[in-house]
Amino acid sequence: AGFVVAICGEIMTMPGLPSKPSSEKIIINEAGEIDGLS
């Protein structure tokens, strides 16, 4: 089963979640280490 959801404008699709996911802050630095997980 599936659903079709029309999203118009700036609405939050899941209450309580931020508008930008935390995964956007994760980077790999010059030393090859992962930053932005904490």
PDB file of N, CA and C in Angstrom:
ATOM      1  N   ALA A   1       0.850  -1.182   0.000  1.00  0.00           N
ATOM      2  CA  ALA A   1       0.000   0.000   0.000  1.00  0.00           C
ATOM      3  C   ALA A   1       0.884   1.230   0.000  1.00  0.00           C
ATOM      4  N   GLY A   2       0.419   2.277  -0.600  1.00  0.00           N
ATOM      5  CA  GLY A   2       1.172   3.520  -0.643  1.00  0.00           C
ATOM      6  C   GLY A   2       0.252   4.709  -0.502  1.00  0.00           C
ATOM      7  N   PHE A   3       0.828   5.834  -0.233  1.00  0.00           N
ATOM      8  CA  PHE A   3       0.062   7.054  -0.061  1.00  0.00           C
ATOM      9  C   PHE A   3       0.665   8.143  -0.925  1.00  0.00           C
ATOM     10  N   VAL A   4      -0.180   8.998  -1.449  1.00  0.00           N
ATOM     11  CA  VAL A   4       0.266  10.181  -2.178  1.00  0.00           C
ATOM     12  C   VAL A   4      -0.039  11.376  -1.291  1.00  0.00           C
ATOM     13  N   VAL A   5       1.007  12.150  -0.968  1.00  0.00           N
ATOM     14  CA  VAL A   5       0.844  13.311  -0.100  1.00  0.00           C
ATOM     15  C   VAL A   5       1.341  14.534  -0.847  1.00  0.00           C
ATOM     16  N   ALA A   6       0.474  15.512  -1.011  1.00  0.00           N
ATOM     17  CA  ALA A   6       0.863  16.775  -1.652  1.00  0.00           C
ATOM     18  C   ALA A   6       1.362  17.727  -0.582  1.00  0.00           C
ATOM     19  N   ILE A   7       2.587  18.215  -0.736  1.00  0.00           N
ATOM     20  CA  ILE A   7       3.168  19.151   0.228  1.00  0.00           C
ATOM     21  C   ILE A   7       3.318  20.496  -0.474  1.00  0.00           C
ATOM     22  N   CYS A   8       2.654  21.501   0.055  1.00  0.00           N
ATOM     23  CA  CYS A   8       2.698  22.847  -0.530  1.00  0.00           C
ATOM     24  C   CYS A   8       3.233  23.825   0.506  1.00  0.00           C
ATOM     25  N   GLY A   9       4.272  24.524   0.161  1.00  0.00           N
ATOM     26  CA  GLY A   9       4.805  25.529   1.059  1.00  0.00           C
ATOM     27  C   GLY A   9       5.708  24.942   2.125  1.00  0.00           C
ATOM     28  N   GLU A  10       5.889  25.699   3.190  1.00  0.00           N
ATOM     29  CA  GLU A  10       6.792  25.322   4.278  1.00  0.00           C
ATOM     30  C   GLU A  10       5.998  24.676   5.406  1.00  0.00           C
ATOM     31  N   ILE A  11       5.833  23.362   5.360  1.00  0.00           N
ATOM     32  CA  ILE A  11       5.165  22.657   6.438  1.00  0.00           C
ATOM     33  C   ILE A  11       6.084  21.572   6.950  1.00  0.00           C
ATOM     34  N   MET A  12       5.911  21.216   8.222  1.00  0.00           N
ATOM     35  CA  MET A  12       6.687  20.118   8.790  1.00  0.00           C
ATOM     36  C   MET A  12       5.882  18.840   8.597  1.00  0.00           C
ATOM     37  N   THR A  13       6.514  17.821   8.017  1.00  0.00           N
ATOM     38  CA  THR A  13       5.801  16.578   7.748  1.00  0.00           C
ATOM     39  C   THR A  13       5.758  15.651   8.958  1.00  0.00           C
ATOM     40  N   MET A  14       6.690  15.782   9.899  1.00  0.00           N
ATOM     41  CA  MET A  14       6.702  14.956  11.104  1.00  0.00           C
ATOM     42  C   MET A  14       6.801  15.880  12.315  1.00  0.00           C
ATOM     43  N   PRO A  15       5.769  15.950  13.139  1.00  0.00           N
ATOM     44  CA  PRO A  15       5.830  16.828  14.315  1.00  0.00           C
ATOM     45  C   PRO A  15       6.992  16.454  15.237  1.00  0.00           C
ATOM     46  N   GLY A  16       7.688  17.453  15.736  1.00  0.00           N
ATOM     47  CA  GLY A  16       8.782  17.232  16.669  1.00  0.00           C
ATOM     48  C   GLY A  16      10.141  17.073  16.017  1.00  0.00           C
ATOM     49  N   LEU A  17      10.197  16.897  14.708  1.00  0.00           N
ATOM     50  CA  LEU A  17      11.484  16.769  14.028  1.00  0.00           C
ATOM     51  C   LEU A  17      11.933  18.135  13.509  1.00  0.00           C
ATOM     52  N   PRO A  18      13.248  18.382  13.478  1.00  0.00           N
ATOM     53  CA  PRO A  18      13.724  19.672  12.959  1.00  0.00           C
ATOM     54  C   PRO A  18      13.503  19.775  11.457  1.00  0.00           C
ATOM     55  N   SER A  19      13.476  20.993  10.957  1.00  0.00           N
ATOM     56  CA  SER A  19      13.274  21.187   9.521  1.00  0.00           C
ATOM     57  C   SER A  19      14.494  20.757   8.706  1.00  0.00           C
ATOM     58  N   LYS A  20      15.692  20.822   9.302  1.00  0.00           N
ATOM     59  CA  LYS A  20      16.913  20.348   8.638  1.00  0.00           C
ATOM     60  C   LYS A  20      17.420  19.117   9.368  1.00  0.00           C
ATOM     61  N   PRO A  21      17.657  18.020   8.672  1.00  0.00           N
ATOM     62  CA  PRO A  21      18.153  16.819   9.341  1.00  0.00           C
ATOM     63  C   PRO A  21      19.582  17.007   9.868  1.00  0.00           C
ATOM     64  N   SER A  22      19.904  16.332  10.959  1.00  0.00           N
ATOM     65  CA  SER A  22      21.234  16.427  11.564  1.00  0.00           C
ATOM     66  C   SER A  22      22.318  15.889  10.637  1.00  0.00           C
ATOM     67  N   SER A  23      21.945  15.035   9.707  1.00  0.00           N
ATOM     68  CA  SER A  23      22.933  14.455   8.793  1.00  0.00           C
ATOM     69  C   SER A  23      23.577  15.513   7.898  1.00  0.00           C
ATOM     70  N   GLU A  24      22.950  16.680   7.749  1.00  0.00           N
ATOM     71  CA  GLU A  24      23.543  17.741   6.938  1.00  0.00           C
ATOM     72  C   GLU A  24      24.777  18.340   7.594  1.00  0.00           C
ATOM     73  N   LYS A  25      24.976  18.134   8.911  1.00  0.00           N
ATOM     74  CA  LYS A  25      26.126  18.693   9.627  1.00  0.00           C
ATOM     75  C   LYS A  25      27.315  17.742   9.646  1.00  0.00           C
ATOM     76  N   ILE A  26      27.170  16.517   9.162  1.00  0.00           N
ATOM     77  CA  ILE A  26      28.248  15.542   9.209  1.00  0.00           C
ATOM     78  C   ILE A  26      29.210  15.776   8.050  1.00  0.00           C
ATOM     79  N   ILE A  27      30.499  15.891   8.381  1.00  0.00           N
ATOM     80  CA  ILE A  27      31.532  16.079   7.358  1.00  0.00           C
ATOM     81  C   ILE A  27      32.713  15.161   7.660  1.00  0.00           C
ATOM     82  N   ILE A  28      33.564  14.975   6.676  1.00  0.00           N
ATOM     83  CA  ILE A  28      34.831  14.263   6.868  1.00  0.00           C
ATOM     84  C   ILE A  28      35.933  15.307   6.753  1.00  0.00           C
ATOM     85  N   ASN A  29      36.722  15.448   7.823  1.00  0.00           N
ATOM     86  CA  ASN A  29      37.754  16.481   7.833  1.00  0.00           C
ATOM     87  C   ASN A  29      38.993  16.050   7.056  1.00  0.00           C
ATOM     88  N   GLU A  30      40.012  16.906   7.058  1.00  0.00           N
ATOM     89  CA  GLU A  30      41.236  16.635   6.287  1.00  0.00           C
ATOM     90  C   GLU A  30      41.972  15.400   6.762  1.00  0.00           C
ATOM     91  N   ALA A  31      41.825  15.036   8.038  1.00  0.00           N
ATOM     92  CA  ALA A  31      42.488  13.854   8.595  1.00  0.00           C
ATOM     93  C   ALA A  31      41.719  12.562   8.315  1.00  0.00           C
ATOM     94  N   GLY A  32      40.560  12.689   7.632  1.00  0.00           N
ATOM     95  CA  GLY A  32      39.766  11.499   7.318  1.00  0.00           C
ATOM     96  C   GLY A  32      38.856  11.077   8.441  1.00  0.00           C
ATOM     97  N   GLU A  33      38.691  11.950   9.454  1.00  0.00           N
ATOM     98  CA  GLU A  33      37.826  11.645  10.593  1.00  0.00           C
ATOM     99  C   GLU A  33      36.438  12.251  10.378  1.00  0.00           C
ATOM    100  N   ILE A  34      35.442  11.644  10.982  1.00  0.00           N
ATOM    101  CA  ILE A  34      34.066  12.118  10.854  1.00  0.00           C
ATOM    102  C   ILE A  34      33.795  13.162  11.939  1.00  0.00           C
ATOM    103  N   ASP A  35      33.317  14.331  11.552  1.00  0.00           N
ATOM    104  CA  ASP A  35      32.942  15.395  12.481  1.00  0.00           C
ATOM    105  C   ASP A  35      31.444  15.674  12.351  1.00  0.00           C
ATOM    106  N   GLY A  36      30.842  16.164  13.435  1.00  0.00           N
ATOM    107  CA  GLY A  36      29.443  16.577  13.398  1.00  0.00           C
ATOM    108  C   GLY A  36      28.473  15.560  13.920  1.00  0.00           C
ATOM    109  N   LEU A  37      28.953  14.480  14.563  1.00  0.00           N
ATOM    110  CA  LEU A  37      28.035  13.461  15.077  1.00  0.00           C
ATOM    111  C   LEU A  37      27.551  13.767  16.487  1.00  0.00           C
ATOM    112  N   SER A  38      28.245  14.620  17.226  1.00  0.00           N
ATOM    113  CA  SER A  38      27.847  14.873  18.614  1.00  0.00           C
ATOM    114  C   SER A  38      26.943  16.063  18.742  1.00  0.00           C
TER     115      SER A  38
END
